[in-house]
Amino acid sequence: MHNFGMPRVGDIAFARLFNQTILYSTRVVHRHDIVPHLPFQDMGFHHVAREIWEQSPETASPPKDQTYIVCDNSGEDPSCSDSVPVLQWHPKDHDYYMGTKNMYCTYDKLEQVIDRFN
């Protein structure tokens, strides 16, 4: 299973069970993306393993310019995205992963889809 910009979805017990059940899983975190830092660890949430920390620029970039750090298997490696200070977290970094701009289902686009079925 591969996730991009995944928030914390459970506590440490959930993370352990997930890691035992899903043997191959990665979470890609782009630079200072704010979403993977939510909800806060202080609230009892914990990431599943393994983080791949993408160091690529904030904008679309060719594959040769993309760099990644493979983090430890804890789910909360203090030398990876957890090392980014809170005031440097940024929603803009959630817009790009692997050099590609994410396409969101905005309200306007959702209205267009709904109008097609009415």
C-alpha atoms as a PDB file:
ATOM      1  CA  MET A   1       0.000   0.000   0.000  1.00  0.00           C
ATOM      2  CA  HIS A   2       1.354   3.430  -0.927  1.00  0.00           C
ATOM      3  CA  ASN A   3      -0.010   6.676   0.517  1.00  0.00           C
ATOM      4  CA  PHE A   4       0.843  10.255  -0.336  1.00  0.00           C
ATOM      5  CA  GLY A   5       0.386  13.036   2.230  1.00  0.00           C
ATOM      6  CA  MET A   6      -1.421  10.728   4.662  1.00  0.00           C
ATOM      7  CA  PRO A   7      -2.537  12.160   8.018  1.00  0.00           C
ATOM      8  CA  ARG A   8      -2.161  10.162  11.232  1.00  0.00           C
ATOM      9  CA  VAL A   9      -5.179   7.859  11.372  1.00  0.00           C
ATOM     10  CA  GLY A  10      -4.813   5.974  14.665  1.00  0.00           C
ATOM     11  CA  ASP A  11      -2.917   5.523  17.894  1.00  0.00           C
ATOM     12  CA  ILE A  12       0.233   3.477  18.556  1.00  0.00           C
ATOM     13  CA  ALA A  13      -1.794   0.255  18.976  1.00  0.00           C
ATOM     14  CA  PHE A  14      -3.443   0.819  15.595  1.00  0.00           C
ATOM     15  CA  ALA A  15      -0.060   1.547  13.980  1.00  0.00           C
ATOM     16  CA  ARG A  16       1.433  -1.666  15.389  1.00  0.00           C
ATOM     17  CA  LEU A  17      -1.518  -3.776  14.217  1.00  0.00           C
ATOM     18  CA  PHE A  18      -1.420  -2.132  10.780  1.00  0.00           C
ATOM     19  CA  ASN A  19       2.338  -2.742  10.465  1.00  0.00           C
ATOM     20  CA  GLN A  20       1.900  -6.415  11.423  1.00  0.00           C
ATOM     21  CA  THR A  21      -1.019  -6.906   9.012  1.00  0.00           C
ATOM     22  CA  ILE A  22       0.105  -4.851   6.009  1.00  0.00           C
ATOM     23  CA  LEU A  23       3.637  -6.074   5.491  1.00  0.00           C
ATOM     24  CA  TYR A  24       4.632  -3.661   2.738  1.00  0.00           C
ATOM     25  CA  SER A  25       3.444  -0.107   3.114  1.00  0.00           C
ATOM     26  CA  THR A  26       4.947   3.308   2.476  1.00  0.00           C
ATOM     27  CA  ARG A  27       3.849   6.842   3.278  1.00  0.00           C
ATOM     28  CA  VAL A  28       5.383   9.511   1.076  1.00  0.00           C
ATOM     29  CA  VAL A  29       5.653  12.947   2.723  1.00  0.00           C
ATOM     30  CA  HIS A  30       6.563  15.894   0.506  1.00  0.00           C
ATOM     31  CA  ARG A  31       8.934  18.377   2.153  1.00  0.00           C
ATOM     32  CA  HIS A  32       7.005  20.424   4.746  1.00  0.00           C
ATOM     33  CA  ASP A  33       3.489  19.156   3.937  1.00  0.00           C
ATOM     34  CA  ILE A  34       1.252  20.026   6.888  1.00  0.00           C
ATOM     35  CA  VAL A  35      -1.259  17.179   6.446  1.00  0.00           C
ATOM     36  CA  PRO A  36       0.984  14.307   7.646  1.00  0.00           C
ATOM     37  CA  HIS A  37       1.528  16.201  10.922  1.00  0.00           C
ATOM     38  CA  LEU A  38      -2.189  16.081  11.719  1.00  0.00           C
ATOM     39  CA  PRO A  39      -3.759  15.111  14.046  1.00  0.00           C
ATOM     40  CA  PHE A  40      -0.995  15.871  16.538  1.00  0.00           C
ATOM     41  CA  GLN A  41       1.032  13.180  18.298  1.00  0.00           C
ATOM     42  CA  ASP A  42       0.196  14.937  21.587  1.00  0.00           C
ATOM     43  CA  MET A  43      -3.419  13.881  20.970  1.00  0.00           C
ATOM     44  CA  GLY A  44      -2.355  10.215  20.967  1.00  0.00           C
ATOM     45  CA  PHE A  45      -2.062   9.714  17.206  1.00  0.00           C
ATOM     46  CA  HIS A  46       0.819   7.800  15.630  1.00  0.00           C
ATOM     47  CA  HIS A  47       1.817   7.170  12.011  1.00  0.00           C
ATOM     48  CA  VAL A  48       2.069   3.741  10.437  1.00  0.00           C
ATOM     49  CA  ALA A  49       5.469   2.804   9.003  1.00  0.00           C
ATOM     50  CA  ARG A  50       7.427   3.473   6.695  1.00  0.00           C
ATOM     51  CA  GLU A  51       7.904   7.078   5.724  1.00  0.00           C
ATOM     52  CA  ILE A  52       9.614   8.086   2.493  1.00  0.00           C
ATOM     53  CA  TRP A  53      10.473  11.790   2.844  1.00  0.00           C
ATOM     54  CA  GLU A  54      10.459  13.553  -0.518  1.00  0.00           C
ATOM     55  CA  GLN A  55      12.873  16.478  -0.728  1.00  0.00           C
ATOM     56  CA  SER A  56      11.854  17.721  -4.196  1.00  0.00           C
ATOM     57  CA  PRO A  57      10.967  21.367  -4.880  1.00  0.00           C
ATOM     58  CA  GLU A  58       7.448  22.648  -4.195  1.00  0.00           C
ATOM     59  CA  THR A  59       6.607  22.792  -7.890  1.00  0.00           C
ATOM     60  CA  ALA A  60       6.498  20.263 -10.691  1.00  0.00           C
ATOM     61  CA  SER A  61       9.986  18.942 -11.246  1.00  0.00           C
ATOM     62  CA  PRO A  62      11.548  16.375 -13.561  1.00  0.00           C
ATOM     63  CA  PRO A  63      12.430  12.972 -12.027  1.00  0.00           C
ATOM     64  CA  LYS A  64      16.159  13.769 -12.063  1.00  0.00           C
ATOM     65  CA  ASP A  65      15.497  16.615  -9.574  1.00  0.00           C
ATOM     66  CA  GLN A  66      13.559  14.476  -7.094  1.00  0.00           C
ATOM     67  CA  THR A  67      15.311  13.154  -4.014  1.00  0.00           C
ATOM     68  CA  TYR A  68      13.981  10.918  -1.249  1.00  0.00           C
ATOM     69  CA  ILE A  69      15.049   9.814   2.225  1.00  0.00           C
ATOM     70  CA  VAL A  70      13.979   6.367   3.430  1.00  0.00           C
ATOM     71  CA  CYS A  71      13.121   6.788   7.110  1.00  0.00           C
ATOM     72  CA  ASP A  72      13.272   4.259   9.922  1.00  0.00           C
ATOM     73  CA  ASN A  73      10.437   1.802  10.520  1.00  0.00           C
ATOM     74  CA  SER A  74       9.014   3.569  13.593  1.00  0.00           C
ATOM     75  CA  GLY A  75       6.395   5.614  11.741  1.00  0.00           C
ATOM     76  CA  GLU A  76       7.639   8.712  13.579  1.00  0.00           C
ATOM     77  CA  ASP A  77      11.309   9.049  12.593  1.00  0.00           C
ATOM     78  CA  PRO A  78      12.636  12.228  14.270  1.00  0.00           C
ATOM     79  CA  SER A  79      15.201  12.664  11.478  1.00  0.00           C
ATOM     80  CA  CYS A  80      12.582  12.776   8.706  1.00  0.00           C
ATOM     81  CA  SER A  81       9.459  14.971   8.344  1.00  0.00           C
ATOM     82  CA  ASP A  82       9.051  15.027  12.138  1.00  0.00           C
ATOM     83  CA  SER A  83      12.233  17.143  12.180  1.00  0.00           C
ATOM     84  CA  VAL A  84      10.451  20.053  10.448  1.00  0.00           C
ATOM     85  CA  PRO A  85       9.506  22.795  12.950  1.00  0.00           C
ATOM     86  CA  VAL A  86       5.779  23.530  13.274  1.00  0.00           C
ATOM     87  CA  LEU A  87       6.088  27.046  11.859  1.00  0.00           C
ATOM     88  CA  GLN A  88       7.590  25.621   8.650  1.00  0.00           C
ATOM     89  CA  TRP A  89       4.690  23.245   7.907  1.00  0.00           C
ATOM     90  CA  HIS A  90       2.952  24.379   4.738  1.00  0.00           C
ATOM     91  CA  PRO A  91      -0.204  23.314   2.872  1.00  0.00           C
ATOM     92  CA  LYS A  92       1.423  24.213  -0.463  1.00  0.00           C
ATOM     93  CA  ASP A  93       3.693  21.179  -0.116  1.00  0.00           C
ATOM     94  CA  HIS A  94       0.582  18.991  -0.128  1.00  0.00           C
ATOM     95  CA  ASP A  95      -0.106  20.139  -3.703  1.00  0.00           C
ATOM     96  CA  TYR A  96       2.868  18.358  -5.290  1.00  0.00           C
ATOM     97  CA  TYR A  97       4.029  14.764  -4.952  1.00  0.00           C
ATOM     98  CA  MET A  98       6.675  13.070  -7.077  1.00  0.00           C
ATOM     99  CA  GLY A  99       6.944  16.161  -9.278  1.00  0.00           C
ATOM    100  CA  THR A 100       3.243  16.088 -10.123  1.00  0.00           C
ATOM    101  CA  LYS A 101       0.541  18.554  -9.088  1.00  0.00           C
ATOM    102  CA  ASN A 102      -2.279  16.880  -7.214  1.00  0.00           C
ATOM    103  CA  MET A 103      -5.729  17.396  -8.658  1.00  0.00           C
ATOM    104  CA  TYR A 104      -8.348  18.048  -6.011  1.00  0.00           C
ATOM    105  CA  CYS A 105     -12.059  17.612  -6.311  1.00  0.00           C
ATOM    106  CA  THR A 106     -12.969  21.238  -5.663  1.00  0.00           C
ATOM    107  CA  TYR A 107     -16.535  22.323  -5.030  1.00  0.00           C
ATOM    108  CA  ASP A 108     -16.788  23.796  -8.554  1.00  0.00           C
ATOM    109  CA  LYS A 109     -15.656  20.521 -10.121  1.00  0.00           C
ATOM    110  CA  LEU A 110     -18.010  18.553  -7.879  1.00  0.00           C
ATOM    111  CA  GLU A 111     -20.923  20.729  -9.006  1.00  0.00           C
ATOM    112  CA  GLN A 112     -20.014  20.025 -12.644  1.00  0.00           C
ATOM    113  CA  VAL A 113     -20.068  16.270 -11.998  1.00  0.00           C
ATOM    114  CA  ILE A 114     -23.396  16.468 -10.155  1.00  0.00           C
ATOM    115  CA  ASP A 115     -24.924  18.606 -12.948  1.00  0.00           C
ATOM    116  CA  ARG A 116     -24.108  15.850 -15.462  1.00  0.00           C
ATOM    117  CA  PHE A 117     -26.373  13.445 -13.558  1.00  0.00           C
ATOM    118  CA  ASN A 118     -29.288  15.850 -13.085  1.00  0.00           C
END
